[in-house]
């Protein structure tokens, strides 16, 4: 009887030592996993900060665009004033026509050429501004999508990291066997 008890005690001790060693290995692997997830999270946060740092470039672009828009607004206001001046008083309209009547033909051709060049320059600026706005809009949306993807990945990793941290909390002594089984199952699912 005593021999059986000693064998049974030895068997229990060996089994418990094997389980303890397995738990240590599991804990070590989980710690490595948490460390890897933490470093990945740090890298993603650095990338996110880099994208946020690019905000200065976007701020500069925005300020440039605002300045360009204000210049165009002033030009539009000036053109409206000219148009109102021509529409408002018919005498003034005839005065401007008479000033062209008094000009020599060569001066009129030169004036026409100048106005045509100014018109084509303004049209070119308008097309360039439209193209630039489209390109910057696409670049903004692309960067914004990348930022959102990084944030989603960080959130996913953070939510994955939090449960893994909870596993390291000390289990109360005499924890039910079901709790140990769930921890092992959680590890197996990783």
Protein backbone atom coordinates (compact mmCIF):
# COMPACT_ATOMS: atom_id res chain seq x y z
CA UNK A 1 0.00 0.00 0.00
CA UNK A 2 2.78 2.35 0.85
CA UNK A 3 4.53 1.50 -2.41
CA UNK A 4 1.41 2.30 -4.33
CA UNK A 5 1.03 5.66 -2.60
CA UNK A 6 4.67 6.48 -3.35
CA UNK A 7 4.22 5.50 -7.01
CA UNK A 8 0.98 7.43 -7.19
CA UNK A 9 2.64 10.49 -5.57
CA UNK A 10 5.59 10.20 -7.93
CA UNK A 11 3.22 9.88 -10.89
CA UNK A 12 1.28 12.98 -9.77
CA UNK A 13 4.52 14.87 -9.19
CA UNK A 14 5.85 13.93 -12.65
CA UNK A 15 2.55 14.87 -14.26
CA UNK A 16 2.43 18.19 -12.43
CA UNK A 17 6.05 18.95 -13.36
CA UNK A 18 5.27 18.17 -17.03
CA UNK A 19 2.21 20.42 -16.90
CA UNK A 20 4.25 23.14 -15.21
CA UNK A 21 6.93 22.92 -17.90
CA UNK A 22 4.26 23.04 -20.61
CA UNK A 23 2.69 26.10 -18.97
CA UNK A 24 6.10 27.78 -18.81
CA UNK A 25 6.67 27.12 -22.51
CA UNK A 26 3.20 28.41 -23.30
CA UNK A 27 3.81 31.51 -21.20
CA UNK A 28 7.17 32.13 -22.92
CA UNK A 29 5.61 31.76 -26.37
CA UNK A 30 2.78 34.11 -25.41
CA UNK A 31 5.26 36.65 -24.05
CA UNK A 32 7.19 36.47 -27.32
CA UNK A 33 3.93 36.92 -29.21
CA UNK A 34 2.98 39.94 -27.10
CA UNK A 35 6.45 41.42 -27.60
CA UNK A 36 6.15 40.95 -31.36
CA UNK A 37 2.68 42.48 -31.38
CA UNK A 38 3.95 45.39 -29.29
CA UNK A 39 6.81 46.07 -31.70
CA UNK A 40 4.44 45.82 -34.67
CA UNK A 41 2.09 48.24 -32.92
CA UNK A 42 5.00 50.64 -32.30
CA UNK A 43 6.05 50.45 -35.96
CA UNK A 44 2.51 51.15 -37.12
CA UNK A 45 2.21 54.09 -34.73
CA UNK A 46 5.49 55.48 -36.07
CA UNK A 47 4.14 55.16 -39.61
CA UNK A 48 0.98 56.92 -38.52
CA UNK A 49 3.03 59.74 -37.01
CA UNK A 50 4.98 59.97 -40.27
CA UNK A 51 1.70 60.33 -42.16
CA UNK A 52 0.61 62.96 -39.62
CA UNK A 53 3.98 64.68 -40.15
CA UNK A 54 3.14 64.96 -43.81
CA UNK A 55 0.34 67.23 -42.67
CA UNK A 56 2.81 70.09 -42.93
CA UNK A 57 3.09 69.44 -46.66
CA UNK A 58 -0.69 69.40 -46.93
CA UNK A 59 -0.91 72.54 -44.85
CA UNK A 60 1.52 74.26 -47.21
CA UNK A 61 -0.46 73.06 -50.22
CA UNK A 62 -3.67 74.23 -48.61
CA UNK A 63 -2.25 77.67 -47.84
CA UNK A 64 -0.91 77.97 -51.39
CA UNK A 65 -4.31 77.00 -52.76
CA UNK A 66 -6.07 79.51 -50.49
CA UNK A 67 -3.71 82.25 -51.69
CA UNK A 68 -4.30 81.28 -55.32
CA UNK A 69 -8.05 81.24 -54.73
CA UNK A 70 -7.93 84.72 -53.20
CA UNK A 71 -5.96 86.02 -56.22
CA UNK A 72 -8.52 84.49 -58.56
CA UNK A 73 -11.34 86.00 -56.48
CA UNK A 74 -9.74 89.44 -56.78
CA UNK A 75 -9.40 88.97 -60.54
CA UNK A 76 -13.04 87.92 -60.78
CA UNK A 77 -14.09 90.97 -58.73
CA UNK A 78 -12.01 93.23 -60.99
CA UNK A 79 -13.62 91.72 -64.09
CA UNK A 80 -17.09 92.16 -62.57
CA UNK A 81 -16.29 95.81 -61.86
CA UNK A 82 -15.21 96.30 -65.47
CA UNK A 83 -18.35 94.59 -66.73
CA UNK A 84 -20.56 96.69 -64.42
CA UNK A 85 -18.78 99.81 -65.54
CA UNK A 86 -19.52 98.96 -69.16
CA UNK A 87 -23.11 97.95 -68.47
CA UNK A 88 -23.94 100.75 -66.06
CA UNK A 89 -23.48 103.87 -68.16
CA UNK A 90 -24.05 103.71 -71.94
CA UNK A 91 -22.07 106.92 -72.40
CA UNK A 92 -18.99 105.27 -70.87
CA UNK A 93 -19.49 102.29 -73.15
CA UNK A 94 -19.44 104.55 -76.17
CA UNK A 95 -16.42 106.40 -74.77
CA UNK A 96 -14.44 103.16 -74.66
CA UNK A 97 -15.52 102.36 -78.21
CA UNK A 98 -14.54 105.87 -79.34
CA UNK A 99 -11.12 105.43 -77.76
CA UNK A 100 -10.67 102.42 -80.04
CA UNK A 101 -11.93 104.46 -82.99
CA UNK A 102 -9.16 106.96 -82.41
CA UNK A 103 -6.45 104.28 -82.25
CA UNK A 104 -4.45 103.34 -85.33
CA UNK A 105 -5.05 99.89 -86.85
CA UNK A 106 -1.62 98.59 -85.76
CA UNK A 107 -2.31 99.64 -82.15
CA UNK A 108 -5.71 97.92 -82.31
CA UNK A 109 -4.08 94.72 -83.61
CA UNK A 110 -1.49 94.91 -80.86
CA UNK A 111 -4.23 95.47 -78.27
CA UNK A 112 -6.21 92.53 -79.68
CA UNK A 113 -3.10 90.35 -79.57
CA UNK A 114 -2.44 91.41 -75.96
CA UNK A 115 -6.03 90.68 -74.92
CA UNK A 116 -5.95 87.32 -76.74
CA UNK A 117 -2.71 86.37 -74.96
CA UNK A 118 -4.16 87.46 -71.62
CA UNK A 119 -7.27 85.39 -72.27
CA UNK A 120 -5.27 82.29 -73.22
CA UNK A 121 -3.03 82.74 -70.17
CA UNK A 122 -6.06 82.97 -67.91
CA UNK A 123 -7.57 79.89 -69.54
CA UNK A 124 -4.28 78.01 -69.07
CA UNK A 125 -4.15 79.06 -65.43
CA UNK A 126 -7.72 77.91 -64.97
CA UNK A 127 -6.99 74.50 -66.54
CA UNK A 128 -3.77 74.15 -64.49
CA UNK A 129 -5.60 75.05 -61.29
CA UNK A 130 -8.33 72.52 -62.07
CA UNK A 131 -5.75 69.81 -62.78
CA UNK A 132 -3.78 70.68 -59.64
CA UNK A 133 -6.93 70.54 -57.52
CA UNK A 134 -7.80 67.13 -58.97
CA UNK A 135 -4.28 65.76 -58.37
CA UNK A 136 -4.12 67.12 -54.83
CA UNK A 137 -7.59 65.75 -54.13
CA UNK A 138 -6.54 62.29 -55.31
CA UNK A 139 -3.30 62.49 -53.29
CA UNK A 140 -5.24 63.61 -50.23
CA UNK A 141 -7.75 60.77 -50.55
CA UNK A 142 -4.96 58.24 -51.06
CA UNK A 143 -3.08 59.48 -47.99
CA UNK A 144 -6.30 59.61 -45.99
CA UNK A 145 -7.12 56.01 -46.99
CA UNK A 146 -3.61 54.92 -45.95
CA UNK A 147 -4.04 56.73 -42.63
CA UNK A 148 -7.36 55.00 -42.04
CA UNK A 149 -5.82 51.62 -42.93
CA UNK A 150 -2.99 52.21 -40.44
CA UNK A 151 -5.45 53.24 -37.77
CA UNK A 152 -7.58 50.15 -38.41
CA UNK A 153 -4.51 47.92 -38.23
CA UNK A 154 -3.38 49.61 -35.02
CA UNK A 155 -6.86 49.15 -33.53
CA UNK A 156 -6.86 45.48 -34.56
CA UNK A 157 -3.44 44.90 -33.09
CA UNK A 158 -4.36 46.80 -29.93
CA UNK A 159 -7.47 44.70 -29.45
CA UNK A 160 -5.40 41.56 -30.08
CA UNK A 161 -2.72 42.72 -27.69
CA UNK A 162 -5.11 43.50 -24.81
CA UNK A 163 -6.52 39.96 -24.45
CA UNK A 164 -2.99 38.56 -24.56
CA UNK A 165 -1.99 40.86 -21.72
CA UNK A 166 -4.96 39.67 -19.66
CA UNK A 167 -3.70 36.10 -19.96
CA UNK A 168 -0.61 37.05 -18.00
CA UNK A 169 -2.61 38.14 -15.02
CA UNK A 170 -2.02 35.63 -12.24
CA UNK A 171 -4.72 32.99 -11.99
CA UNK A 172 -6.13 32.51 -8.50
CA UNK A 173 -4.85 29.39 -6.76
CA UNK A 174 -7.07 26.46 -7.22
CA UNK A 175 -8.45 27.82 -10.46
CA UNK A 176 -11.02 25.47 -11.93
CA UNK A 177 -9.76 23.08 -14.54
CA UNK A 178 -12.11 24.65 -17.11
CA UNK A 179 -10.22 27.95 -16.80
CA UNK A 180 -6.94 26.19 -17.49
CA UNK A 181 -8.50 24.45 -20.45
CA UNK A 182 -9.79 27.76 -21.89
CA UNK A 183 -6.32 29.30 -21.60
CA UNK A 184 -4.86 26.32 -23.41
CA UNK A 185 -7.58 26.54 -26.09
CA UNK A 186 -6.92 30.26 -26.52
CA UNK A 187 -3.24 29.51 -27.00
CA UNK A 188 -4.03 26.78 -29.54
CA UNK A 189 -6.20 29.22 -31.53
CA UNK A 190 -3.31 31.68 -31.82
